Amino acid sequence: MLVIGITGGIGSGKSAVSELLVRNGATLIDADKVGHAAYVPHTPAWEEVVATFGPTVVGENEEIDRKALGSIVFSAPEKLAQLNAIMHPKMADMIRDEITEYKNQGIEVVILEAAILIEANWLPLVDEVWVVIASEDTVVKRVMARNNFPEEAIRARINSQITNDERIKYASLVIENDQELSDLETKVNSIWKEKIR
């Protein structure tokens, strides 16, 4: 079984690449969904987050109020580091279990799509790292169209993430995605034929 980590900054097109790989026959693990599952009430991660950040982060139905938690951690780097120290290892365990399950099912190619693949120290979970990159101007245009964020907020988000140069140091493959979706589709399909099939 081949496990490919797909990573890249905001608006790079990593989800589009993952989607195209799934169309070709890969099975997807989406780290964002794993993160949501880790916050389910009374799971180990939930217990630790509530113990660390207090009852104000618990919302309706005992679920973590992500907005309340966000307002605590995004204003204080040490609090964010605390949250990451809780969540990243717990999520890694969940991802590892999912990979094992797919392996037992005889799945041949698994994609782990994770913006924080490198920062969360999840590299040992994957066999290859595919980095999706796009120029900053392309990213800004894409995210403005998709999320309706102001340009300054997007550039601030880009600057808060690790750089493409940093990501590329870990890359088995770099996919440049500055063109149209049809160009990306052609590129991904040919990579699949060359590397997988």
N, C-alpha and C. Protein backbone atom coordinates (compact mmCIF):
# COMPACT_ATOMS: atom_id res chain seq x y z
N MET A 1 0.84 -1.20 0.00
CA MET A 1 0.00 0.00 0.00
C MET A 1 0.87 1.25 0.00
N LEU A 2 0.46 2.24 -0.78
CA LEU A 2 1.17 3.51 -0.85
C LEU A 2 0.34 4.58 -0.14
N VAL A 3 0.97 5.28 0.80
CA VAL A 3 0.29 6.38 1.49
C VAL A 3 0.97 7.69 1.07
N ILE A 4 0.17 8.56 0.45
CA ILE A 4 0.70 9.83 -0.06
C ILE A 4 0.15 10.97 0.78
N GLY A 5 1.04 11.79 1.31
CA GLY A 5 0.62 12.99 2.02
C GLY A 5 0.52 14.13 1.03
N ILE A 6 -0.65 14.77 0.97
CA ILE A 6 -0.85 15.92 0.09
C ILE A 6 -0.90 17.15 0.99
N THR A 7 0.00 18.10 0.74
CA THR A 7 0.01 19.30 1.57
C THR A 7 0.26 20.53 0.71
N GLY A 8 0.00 21.69 1.30
CA GLY A 8 0.18 22.96 0.61
C GLY A 8 -0.50 24.04 1.42
N GLY A 9 -0.22 25.27 1.08
CA GLY A 9 -0.80 26.39 1.82
C GLY A 9 -2.25 26.62 1.44
N ILE A 10 -2.86 27.59 2.09
CA ILE A 10 -4.23 27.98 1.80
C ILE A 10 -4.35 28.33 0.31
N GLY A 11 -5.41 27.84 -0.34
CA GLY A 11 -5.68 28.19 -1.73
C GLY A 11 -4.73 27.61 -2.76
N SER A 12 -3.86 26.68 -2.33
CA SER A 12 -2.89 26.11 -3.28
C SER A 12 -3.56 25.13 -4.25
N GLY A 13 -4.65 24.50 -3.79
CA GLY A 13 -5.34 23.52 -4.63
C GLY A 13 -5.14 22.10 -4.17
N LYS A 14 -4.73 21.93 -2.90
CA LYS A 14 -4.49 20.56 -2.41
C LYS A 14 -5.77 19.72 -2.41
N SER A 15 -6.91 20.33 -2.10
CA SER A 15 -8.18 19.58 -2.12
C SER A 15 -8.54 19.17 -3.55
N ALA A 16 -8.26 20.04 -4.51
CA ALA A 16 -8.53 19.71 -5.92
C ALA A 16 -7.66 18.54 -6.36
N VAL A 17 -6.39 18.54 -5.94
CA VAL A 17 -5.48 17.44 -6.28
C VAL A 17 -5.99 16.15 -5.64
N SER A 18 -6.37 16.22 -4.36
CA SER A 18 -6.88 15.03 -3.66
C SER A 18 -8.11 14.48 -4.36
N GLU A 19 -9.02 15.38 -4.74
CA GLU A 19 -10.25 14.97 -5.43
C GLU A 19 -9.94 14.25 -6.74
N LEU A 20 -8.97 14.78 -7.48
CA LEU A 20 -8.59 14.16 -8.76
C LEU A 20 -7.96 12.79 -8.53
N LEU A 21 -7.18 12.65 -7.47
CA LEU A 21 -6.57 11.36 -7.15
C LEU A 21 -7.64 10.34 -6.73
N VAL A 22 -8.65 10.81 -6.00
CA VAL A 22 -9.76 9.94 -5.60
C VAL A 22 -10.50 9.45 -6.85
N ARG A 23 -10.70 10.36 -7.82
CA ARG A 23 -11.35 9.96 -9.08
C ARG A 23 -10.56 8.88 -9.80
N ASN A 24 -9.25 8.90 -9.61
CA ASN A 24 -8.39 7.89 -10.24
C ASN A 24 -8.35 6.58 -9.46
N GLY A 25 -8.93 6.58 -8.25
CA GLY A 25 -9.00 5.33 -7.49
C GLY A 25 -8.37 5.35 -6.11
N ALA A 26 -7.82 6.49 -5.69
CA ALA A 26 -7.22 6.58 -4.35
C ALA A 26 -8.33 6.72 -3.30
N THR A 27 -7.99 6.41 -2.05
CA THR A 27 -8.90 6.57 -0.92
C THR A 27 -8.39 7.74 -0.08
N LEU A 28 -9.29 8.63 0.32
CA LEU A 28 -8.90 9.87 0.99
C LEU A 28 -9.11 9.84 2.49
N ILE A 29 -8.09 10.32 3.22
CA ILE A 29 -8.24 10.67 4.63
C ILE A 29 -8.05 12.19 4.69
N ASP A 30 -9.09 12.90 5.12
CA ASP A 30 -9.05 14.36 5.20
C ASP A 30 -8.74 14.76 6.64
N ALA A 31 -7.58 15.36 6.87
CA ALA A 31 -7.16 15.71 8.23
C ALA A 31 -8.15 16.65 8.92
N ASP A 32 -8.81 17.52 8.15
CA ASP A 32 -9.81 18.42 8.75
C ASP A 32 -10.95 17.62 9.38
N LYS A 33 -11.39 16.58 8.67
CA LYS A 33 -12.48 15.73 9.19
C LYS A 33 -12.01 14.95 10.42
N VAL A 34 -10.76 14.51 10.39
CA VAL A 34 -10.19 13.81 11.55
C VAL A 34 -10.19 14.75 12.75
N GLY A 35 -9.82 16.00 12.51
CA GLY A 35 -9.81 17.01 13.57
C GLY A 35 -11.18 17.19 14.20
N HIS A 36 -12.22 17.23 13.35
CA HIS A 36 -13.60 17.35 13.85
C HIS A 36 -13.97 16.13 14.69
N ALA A 37 -13.58 14.94 14.19
CA ALA A 37 -13.90 13.70 14.91
C ALA A 37 -13.19 13.64 16.26
N ALA A 38 -11.99 14.23 16.33
CA ALA A 38 -11.23 14.22 17.58
C ALA A 38 -11.90 15.07 18.66
N TYR A 39 -12.74 16.01 18.24
CA TYR A 39 -13.44 16.89 19.18
C TYR A 39 -14.77 16.34 19.67
N VAL A 40 -15.12 15.12 19.26
CA VAL A 40 -16.39 14.52 19.70
C VAL A 40 -16.40 14.45 21.24
N PRO A 41 -17.53 14.82 21.88
CA PRO A 41 -17.57 14.84 23.35
C PRO A 41 -17.11 13.54 24.00
N HIS A 42 -16.30 13.74 25.03
CA HIS A 42 -15.79 12.66 25.90
C HIS A 42 -14.78 11.73 25.25
N THR A 43 -14.25 12.12 24.08
CA THR A 43 -13.08 11.41 23.54
C THR A 43 -11.87 11.90 24.34
N PRO A 44 -10.72 11.19 24.29
CA PRO A 44 -9.54 11.65 25.04
C PRO A 44 -9.13 13.08 24.69
N ALA A 45 -9.19 13.44 23.41
CA ALA A 45 -8.80 14.80 23.02
C ALA A 45 -9.76 15.83 23.63
N TRP A 46 -11.05 15.54 23.58
CA TRP A 46 -12.07 16.44 24.14
C TRP A 46 -11.80 16.67 25.62
N GLU A 47 -11.58 15.57 26.36
CA GLU A 47 -11.33 15.65 27.81
C GLU A 47 -10.13 16.56 28.10
N GLU A 48 -9.07 16.36 27.32
CA GLU A 48 -7.84 17.11 27.57
C GLU A 48 -7.99 18.59 27.20
N VAL A 49 -8.71 18.86 26.11
CA VAL A 49 -8.95 20.25 25.70
C VAL A 49 -9.77 20.98 26.76
N VAL A 50 -10.82 20.34 27.26
CA VAL A 50 -11.68 20.96 28.28
C VAL A 50 -10.89 21.16 29.58
N ALA A 51 -10.09 20.18 29.96
CA ALA A 51 -9.28 20.30 31.19
C ALA A 51 -8.26 21.43 31.06
N THR A 52 -7.73 21.63 29.85
CA THR A 52 -6.69 22.65 29.64
C THR A 52 -7.27 24.05 29.49
N PHE A 53 -8.37 24.17 28.74
CA PHE A 53 -8.88 25.51 28.39
C PHE A 53 -10.15 25.91 29.14
N GLY A 54 -10.69 24.99 29.92
CA GLY A 54 -11.82 25.35 30.78
C GLY A 54 -13.18 25.13 30.13
N PRO A 55 -14.24 25.18 30.97
CA PRO A 55 -15.60 24.88 30.50
C PRO A 55 -16.17 25.87 29.49
N THR A 56 -15.56 27.06 29.37
CA THR A 56 -16.09 28.04 28.41
C THR A 56 -15.95 27.57 26.96
N VAL A 57 -15.08 26.57 26.72
CA VAL A 57 -14.93 26.07 25.34
C VAL A 57 -15.95 24.98 25.01
N VAL A 58 -16.80 24.63 25.98
CA VAL A 58 -17.83 23.62 25.73
C VAL A 58 -19.13 24.34 25.37
N GLY A 59 -19.66 23.99 24.19
CA GLY A 59 -20.89 24.62 23.72
C GLY A 59 -22.08 23.70 23.85
N GLU A 60 -23.03 23.87 22.93
CA GLU A 60 -24.25 23.05 22.93
C GLU A 60 -23.90 21.58 22.71
N ASN A 61 -24.73 20.71 23.25
CA ASN A 61 -24.55 19.25 23.11
C ASN A 61 -23.18 18.77 23.58
N GLU A 62 -22.57 19.56 24.46
CA GLU A 62 -21.24 19.24 25.01
C GLU A 62 -20.13 19.26 23.97
N GLU A 63 -20.43 19.77 22.77
CA GLU A 63 -19.40 19.82 21.74
C GLU A 63 -18.47 21.00 22.00
N ILE A 64 -17.23 20.86 21.50
CA ILE A 64 -16.28 21.97 21.62
C ILE A 64 -16.79 23.13 20.77
N ASP A 65 -16.87 24.30 21.38
CA ASP A 65 -17.24 25.52 20.66
C ASP A 65 -15.96 26.03 20.00
N ARG A 66 -15.82 25.73 18.71
CA ARG A 66 -14.57 26.03 18.01
C ARG A 66 -14.29 27.53 17.95
N LYS A 67 -15.36 28.33 17.93
CA LYS A 67 -15.19 29.78 17.91
C LYS A 67 -14.59 30.26 19.24
N ALA A 68 -15.15 29.75 20.35
CA ALA A 68 -14.65 30.12 21.69
C ALA A 68 -13.21 29.66 21.87
N LEU A 69 -12.93 28.44 21.42
CA LEU A 69 -11.57 27.91 21.53
C LEU A 69 -10.62 28.73 20.66
N GLY A 70 -11.08 29.05 19.45
CA GLY A 70 -10.27 29.85 18.52
C GLY A 70 -9.91 31.21 19.09
N SER A 71 -10.88 31.84 19.77
CA SER A 71 -10.60 33.17 20.33
C SER A 71 -9.55 33.11 21.44
N ILE A 72 -9.44 31.95 22.10
CA ILE A 72 -8.40 31.79 23.13
C ILE A 72 -7.04 31.53 22.48
N VAL A 73 -7.00 30.59 21.54
CA VAL A 73 -5.69 30.14 21.04
C VAL A 73 -5.08 31.04 19.98
N PHE A 74 -5.93 31.70 19.17
CA PHE A 74 -5.34 32.47 18.08
C PHE A 74 -4.83 33.83 18.53
N SER A 75 -5.14 34.20 19.78
CA SER A 75 -4.61 35.48 20.29
C SER A 75 -3.36 35.26 21.13
N ALA A 76 -3.02 34.00 21.39
CA ALA A 76 -1.85 33.70 22.24
C ALA A 76 -1.09 32.49 21.69
N PRO A 77 0.10 32.73 21.12
CA PRO A 77 0.87 31.64 20.51
C PRO A 77 1.13 30.46 21.45
N GLU A 78 1.33 30.75 22.74
CA GLU A 78 1.63 29.64 23.67
C GLU A 78 0.39 28.77 23.90
N LYS A 79 -0.80 29.38 23.82
CA LYS A 79 -2.05 28.61 23.95
C LYS A 79 -2.26 27.73 22.71
N LEU A 80 -1.94 28.29 21.54
CA LEU A 80 -2.06 27.51 20.30
C LEU A 80 -1.09 26.33 20.34
N ALA A 81 0.11 26.57 20.83
CA ALA A 81 1.10 25.49 20.95
C ALA A 81 0.58 24.40 21.89
N GLN A 82 -0.09 24.83 22.97
CA GLN A 82 -0.69 23.88 23.93
C GLN A 82 -1.76 23.02 23.25
N LEU A 83 -2.63 23.69 22.47
CA LEU A 83 -3.70 22.97 21.77
C LEU A 83 -3.11 21.98 20.76
N ASN A 84 -2.11 22.44 20.01
CA ASN A 84 -1.47 21.57 19.01
C ASN A 84 -0.80 20.36 19.67
N ALA A 85 -0.21 20.59 20.84
CA ALA A 85 0.46 19.49 21.57
C ALA A 85 -0.56 18.43 22.01
N ILE A 86 -1.80 18.86 22.22
CA ILE A 86 -2.86 17.90 22.56
C ILE A 86 -3.38 17.22 21.29
N MET A 87 -3.73 18.05 20.30
CA MET A 87 -4.48 17.54 19.14
C MET A 87 -3.63 16.77 18.13
N HIS A 88 -2.43 17.26 17.82
CA HIS A 88 -1.66 16.62 16.75
C HIS A 88 -1.35 15.14 17.02
N PRO A 89 -0.87 14.78 18.22
CA PRO A 89 -0.63 13.35 18.47
C PRO A 89 -1.91 12.51 18.48
N LYS A 90 -3.01 13.08 19.02
CA LYS A 90 -4.29 12.35 19.06
C LYS A 90 -4.79 12.12 17.62
N MET A 91 -4.67 13.15 16.79
CA MET A 91 -5.09 13.02 15.39
C MET A 91 -4.19 12.02 14.66
N ALA A 92 -2.90 12.03 14.97
CA ALA A 92 -1.97 11.07 14.34
C ALA A 92 -2.39 9.64 14.65
N ASP A 93 -2.80 9.39 15.90
CA ASP A 93 -3.27 8.05 16.29
C ASP A 93 -4.51 7.65 15.47
N MET A 94 -5.43 8.60 15.32
CA MET A 94 -6.66 8.33 14.56
C MET A 94 -6.35 8.06 13.09
N ILE A 95 -5.42 8.84 12.53
CA ILE A 95 -5.02 8.66 11.13
C ILE A 95 -4.34 7.31 10.95
N ARG A 96 -3.46 6.98 11.89
CA ARG A 96 -2.74 5.69 11.84
C ARG A 96 -3.74 4.53 11.84
N ASP A 97 -4.75 4.62 12.71
CA ASP A 97 -5.78 3.58 12.78
C ASP A 97 -6.53 3.45 11.45
N GLU A 98 -6.84 4.61 10.86
CA GLU A 98 -7.57 4.61 9.58
C GLU A 98 -6.72 3.99 8.47
N ILE A 99 -5.43 4.33 8.45
CA ILE A 99 -4.52 3.75 7.45
C ILE A 99 -4.45 2.23 7.62
N THR A 100 -4.33 1.78 8.86
CA THR A 100 -4.27 0.33 9.14
C THR A 100 -5.53 -0.37 8.66
N GLU A 101 -6.67 0.27 8.92
CA GLU A 101 -7.96 -0.28 8.49
C GLU A 101 -8.00 -0.44 6.96
N TYR A 102 -7.55 0.60 6.25
CA TYR A 102 -7.53 0.55 4.78
C TYR A 102 -6.56 -0.52 4.28
N LYS A 103 -5.44 -0.64 4.97
CA LYS A 103 -4.45 -1.66 4.59
C LYS A 103 -5.07 -3.05 4.71
N ASN A 104 -5.79 -3.28 5.81
CA ASN A 104 -6.46 -4.57 6.04
C ASN A 104 -7.54 -4.85 5.00
N GLN A 105 -8.10 -3.77 4.43
CA GLN A 105 -9.13 -3.93 3.39
C GLN A 105 -8.51 -4.15 2.01
N GLY A 106 -7.18 -4.06 1.93
CA GLY A 106 -6.51 -4.25 0.65
C GLY A 106 -6.50 -3.02 -0.25
N ILE A 107 -6.75 -1.85 0.34
CA ILE A 107 -6.71 -0.59 -0.43
C ILE A 107 -5.26 -0.36 -0.87
N GLU A 108 -5.07 0.05 -2.13
CA GLU A 108 -3.70 0.19 -2.66
C GLU A 108 -3.10 1.57 -2.45
N VAL A 109 -3.93 2.63 -2.63
CA VAL A 109 -3.40 3.99 -2.51
C VAL A 109 -4.27 4.81 -1.57
N VAL A 110 -3.65 5.36 -0.53
CA VAL A 110 -4.35 6.22 0.43
C VAL A 110 -3.73 7.61 0.36
N ILE A 111 -4.59 8.61 0.34
CA ILE A 111 -4.16 10.02 0.33
C ILE A 111 -4.46 10.58 1.71
N LEU A 112 -3.46 11.21 2.34
CA LEU A 112 -3.70 11.97 3.56
C LEU A 112 -3.57 13.44 3.20
N GLU A 113 -4.72 14.13 3.12
CA GLU A 113 -4.69 15.56 2.79
C GLU A 113 -4.61 16.35 4.09
N ALA A 114 -3.51 17.08 4.27
CA ALA A 114 -3.30 17.80 5.53
C ALA A 114 -2.47 19.06 5.29
N ALA A 115 -3.07 20.20 5.57
CA ALA A 115 -2.34 21.47 5.44
C ALA A 115 -1.14 21.49 6.39
N ILE A 116 -1.29 20.80 7.54
CA ILE A 116 -0.25 20.85 8.58
C ILE A 116 0.58 19.56 8.64
N LEU A 117 0.64 18.82 7.55
CA LEU A 117 1.37 17.55 7.50
C LEU A 117 2.77 17.67 8.09
N ILE A 118 3.48 18.73 7.71
CA ILE A 118 4.87 18.92 8.14
C ILE A 118 4.91 19.46 9.57
N GLU A 119 4.13 20.51 9.83
CA GLU A 119 4.15 21.16 11.15
C GLU A 119 3.69 20.23 12.27
N ALA A 120 2.77 19.31 11.95
CA ALA A 120 2.23 18.40 12.97
C ALA A 120 3.11 17.17 13.17
N ASN A 121 4.22 17.12 12.44
CA ASN A 121 5.14 15.95 12.50
C ASN A 121 4.45 14.65 12.10
N TRP A 122 3.64 14.72 11.04
CA TRP A 122 2.94 13.53 10.55
C TRP A 122 3.68 12.86 9.40
N LEU A 123 4.88 13.33 9.07
CA LEU A 123 5.62 12.74 7.95
C LEU A 123 5.83 11.23 8.10
N PRO A 124 6.06 10.70 9.33
CA PRO A 124 6.23 9.25 9.47
C PRO A 124 4.99 8.43 9.07
N LEU A 125 3.84 9.09 8.95
CA LEU A 125 2.60 8.39 8.59
C LEU A 125 2.51 8.10 7.09
N VAL A 126 3.32 8.81 6.29
CA VAL A 126 3.19 8.70 4.83
C VAL A 126 4.47 8.18 4.18
N ASP A 127 4.30 7.61 2.97
CA ASP A 127 5.45 7.12 2.20
C ASP A 127 6.03 8.21 1.32
N GLU A 128 5.15 9.08 0.81
CA GLU A 128 5.58 10.17 -0.07
C GLU A 128 4.86 11.45 0.34
N VAL A 129 5.51 12.59 0.06
CA VAL A 129 4.91 13.90 0.32
C VAL A 129 4.78 14.62 -1.02
N TRP A 130 3.55 14.94 -1.39
CA TRP A 130 3.30 15.72 -2.60
C TRP A 130 2.88 17.11 -2.17
N VAL A 131 3.65 18.11 -2.60
CA VAL A 131 3.38 19.49 -2.21
C VAL A 131 2.73 20.23 -3.38
N VAL A 132 1.60 20.86 -3.10
CA VAL A 132 0.88 21.63 -4.12
C VAL A 132 1.19 23.10 -3.86
N ILE A 133 1.69 23.78 -4.90
CA ILE A 133 2.04 25.20 -4.73
C ILE A 133 1.37 26.06 -5.79
N ALA A 134 1.18 27.32 -5.45
CA ALA A 134 0.68 28.32 -6.39
C ALA A 134 1.27 29.66 -5.96
N SER A 135 1.37 30.59 -6.89
CA SER A 135 1.94 31.90 -6.55
C SER A 135 1.00 32.62 -5.57
N GLU A 136 1.56 33.55 -4.82
CA GLU A 136 0.76 34.26 -3.82
C GLU A 136 -0.41 35.00 -4.46
N ASP A 137 -0.17 35.62 -5.62
CA ASP A 137 -1.25 36.35 -6.30
C ASP A 137 -2.39 35.42 -6.72
N THR A 138 -2.02 34.24 -7.21
CA THR A 138 -3.04 33.24 -7.60
C THR A 138 -3.85 32.83 -6.37
N VAL A 139 -3.14 32.56 -5.27
CA VAL A 139 -3.80 32.15 -4.03
C VAL A 139 -4.78 33.22 -3.56
N VAL A 140 -4.32 34.47 -3.56
CA VAL A 140 -5.18 35.58 -3.10
C VAL A 140 -6.45 35.65 -3.95
N LYS A 141 -6.30 35.58 -5.28
CA LYS A 141 -7.47 35.63 -6.18
C LYS A 141 -8.43 34.48 -5.88
N ARG A 142 -7.87 33.27 -5.75
CA ARG A 142 -8.69 32.08 -5.49
C ARG A 142 -9.48 32.20 -4.19
N VAL A 143 -8.77 32.57 -3.12
CA VAL A 143 -9.41 32.59 -1.80
C VAL A 143 -10.42 33.73 -1.71
N MET A 144 -10.13 34.85 -2.37
CA MET A 144 -11.10 35.96 -2.39
C MET A 144 -12.39 35.51 -3.09
N ALA A 145 -12.24 34.78 -4.19
CA ALA A 145 -13.41 34.30 -4.94
C ALA A 145 -14.17 33.23 -4.16
N ARG A 146 -13.42 32.36 -3.48
CA ARG A 146 -14.03 31.21 -2.80
C ARG A 146 -14.63 31.58 -1.44
N ASN A 147 -13.89 32.33 -0.63
CA ASN A 147 -14.29 32.58 0.77
C ASN A 147 -14.74 34.01 1.03
N ASN A 148 -14.53 34.87 0.02
CA ASN A 148 -14.91 36.27 0.19
C ASN A 148 -14.14 36.95 1.32
N PHE A 149 -12.89 36.51 1.54
CA PHE A 149 -12.04 37.14 2.57
C PHE A 149 -11.41 38.40 1.98
N PRO A 150 -11.13 39.41 2.82
CA PRO A 150 -10.38 40.57 2.33
C PRO A 150 -8.92 40.17 2.03
N GLU A 151 -8.33 40.86 1.08
CA GLU A 151 -6.97 40.52 0.63
C GLU A 151 -5.96 40.51 1.78
N GLU A 152 -6.03 41.50 2.68
CA GLU A 152 -5.05 41.58 3.79
C GLU A 152 -5.15 40.34 4.68
N ALA A 153 -6.38 39.87 4.91
CA ALA A 153 -6.58 38.69 5.77
C ALA A 153 -5.96 37.46 5.13
N ILE A 154 -6.09 37.36 3.81
CA ILE A 154 -5.53 36.20 3.09
C ILE A 154 -4.00 36.24 3.15
N ARG A 155 -3.44 37.43 2.89
CA ARG A 155 -1.97 37.54 2.92
C ARG A 155 -1.44 37.27 4.34
N ALA A 156 -2.19 37.70 5.35
CA ALA A 156 -1.78 37.43 6.74
C ALA A 156 -1.80 35.93 7.01
N ARG A 157 -2.82 35.24 6.49
CA ARG A 157 -2.92 33.78 6.66
C ARG A 157 -1.74 33.10 5.96
N ILE A 158 -1.43 33.54 4.75
CA ILE A 158 -0.30 32.96 4.01
C ILE A 158 0.98 33.13 4.83
N ASN A 159 1.17 34.34 5.37
CA ASN A 159 2.40 34.63 6.13
C ASN A 159 2.47 33.89 7.46
N SER A 160 1.31 33.43 7.96
CA SER A 160 1.32 32.69 9.23
C SER A 160 1.66 31.21 9.02
N GLN A 161 1.62 30.77 7.76
CA GLN A 161 1.91 29.36 7.46
C GLN A 161 3.39 29.21 7.08
N ILE A 162 3.88 27.96 7.09
CA ILE A 162 5.26 27.77 6.63
C ILE A 162 5.32 28.08 5.13
N THR A 163 6.51 28.41 4.64
CA THR A 163 6.64 28.82 3.24
C THR A 163 6.66 27.60 2.32
N ASN A 164 6.41 27.87 1.03
CA ASN A 164 6.51 26.80 0.04
C ASN A 164 7.93 26.24 -0.02
N ASP A 165 8.92 27.12 0.13
CA ASP A 165 10.33 26.65 0.12
C ASP A 165 10.55 25.63 1.23
N GLU A 166 9.97 25.90 2.39
CA GLU A 166 10.09 24.99 3.53
C GLU A 166 9.39 23.67 3.22
N ARG A 167 8.18 23.75 2.65
CA ARG A 167 7.43 22.53 2.31
C ARG A 167 8.20 21.68 1.29
N ILE A 168 8.77 22.36 0.30
CA ILE A 168 9.44 21.66 -0.81
C ILE A 168 10.63 20.83 -0.32
N LYS A 169 11.24 21.24 0.80
CA LYS A 169 12.36 20.46 1.36
C LYS A 169 11.95 19.02 1.67
N TYR A 170 10.67 18.81 1.94
CA TYR A 170 10.17 17.48 2.32
C TYR A 170 9.49 16.75 1.16
N ALA A 171 9.43 17.41 0.00
CA ALA A 171 8.60 16.90 -1.10
C ALA A 171 9.24 15.77 -1.88
N SER A 172 8.43 14.73 -2.14
CA SER A 172 8.80 13.70 -3.11
C SER A 172 8.41 14.21 -4.50
N LEU A 173 7.39 15.08 -4.53
CA LEU A 173 6.86 15.60 -5.79
C LEU A 173 6.26 16.97 -5.52
N VAL A 174 6.49 17.91 -6.46
CA VAL A 174 5.90 19.25 -6.35
C VAL A 174 4.94 19.43 -7.52
N ILE A 175 3.71 19.82 -7.21
CA ILE A 175 2.70 20.07 -8.25
C ILE A 175 2.42 21.57 -8.28
N GLU A 176 2.80 22.21 -9.40
CA GLU A 176 2.54 23.64 -9.54
C GLU A 176 1.12 23.82 -10.07
N ASN A 177 0.37 24.69 -9.39
CA ASN A 177 -1.04 24.84 -9.72
C ASN A 177 -1.43 26.31 -9.88
N ASP A 178 -0.87 26.93 -10.92
CA ASP A 178 -1.20 28.33 -11.18
C ASP A 178 -2.19 28.48 -12.34
N GLN A 179 -2.49 27.36 -13.01
CA GLN A 179 -3.37 27.45 -14.19
C GLN A 179 -4.82 27.08 -13.84
N GLU A 180 -5.55 26.75 -14.89
CA GLU A 180 -6.96 26.36 -14.73
C GLU A 180 -7.07 24.94 -14.17
N LEU A 181 -8.26 24.60 -13.71
CA LEU A 181 -8.51 23.27 -13.17
C LEU A 181 -8.27 22.18 -14.21
N SER A 182 -8.60 22.48 -15.48
CA SER A 182 -8.40 21.48 -16.54
C SER A 182 -6.91 21.14 -16.71
N ASP A 183 -6.04 22.15 -16.53
CA ASP A 183 -4.59 21.91 -16.61
C ASP A 183 -4.14 21.04 -15.45
N LEU A 184 -4.69 21.32 -14.27
CA LEU A 184 -4.34 20.53 -13.08
C LEU A 184 -4.79 19.08 -13.27
N GLU A 185 -5.98 18.92 -13.84
CA GLU A 185 -6.52 17.57 -14.08
C GLU A 185 -5.59 16.77 -15.00
N THR A 186 -5.14 17.40 -16.08
CA THR A 186 -4.22 16.75 -17.02
C THR A 186 -2.94 16.35 -16.30
N LYS A 187 -2.42 17.28 -15.50
CA LYS A 187 -1.17 17.05 -14.76
C LYS A 187 -1.32 15.87 -13.79
N VAL A 188 -2.37 15.90 -12.98
CA VAL A 188 -2.58 14.86 -11.95
C VAL A 188 -2.83 13.50 -12.60
N ASN A 189 -3.62 13.48 -13.68
CA ASN A 189 -3.88 12.21 -14.37
C ASN A 189 -2.60 11.60 -14.91
N SER A 190 -1.71 12.44 -15.45
CA SER A 190 -0.47 11.88 -16.00
C SER A 190 0.48 11.44 -14.88
N ILE A 191 0.47 12.14 -13.75
CA ILE A 191 1.28 11.72 -12.59
C ILE A 191 0.77 10.36 -12.10
N TRP A 192 -0.54 10.21 -12.04
CA TRP A 192 -1.14 8.94 -11.59
C TRP A 192 -0.69 7.80 -12.48
N LYS A 193 -0.79 8.01 -13.81
CA LYS A 193 -0.41 6.95 -14.76
C LYS A 193 1.06 6.59 -14.61
N GLU A 194 1.88 7.63 -14.44
CA GLU A 194 3.34 7.44 -14.37
C GLU A 194 3.77 6.80 -13.04
N LYS A 195 3.22 7.29 -11.93
CA LYS A 195 3.70 6.86 -10.61
C LYS A 195 2.92 5.71 -9.98
N ILE A 196 1.63 5.64 -10.29
CA ILE A 196 0.78 4.67 -9.58
C ILE A 196 0.42 3.48 -10.47
N ARG A 197 -0.05 3.75 -11.65
CA ARG A 197 -0.51 2.67 -12.53
C ARG A 197 0.54 2.34 -13.56
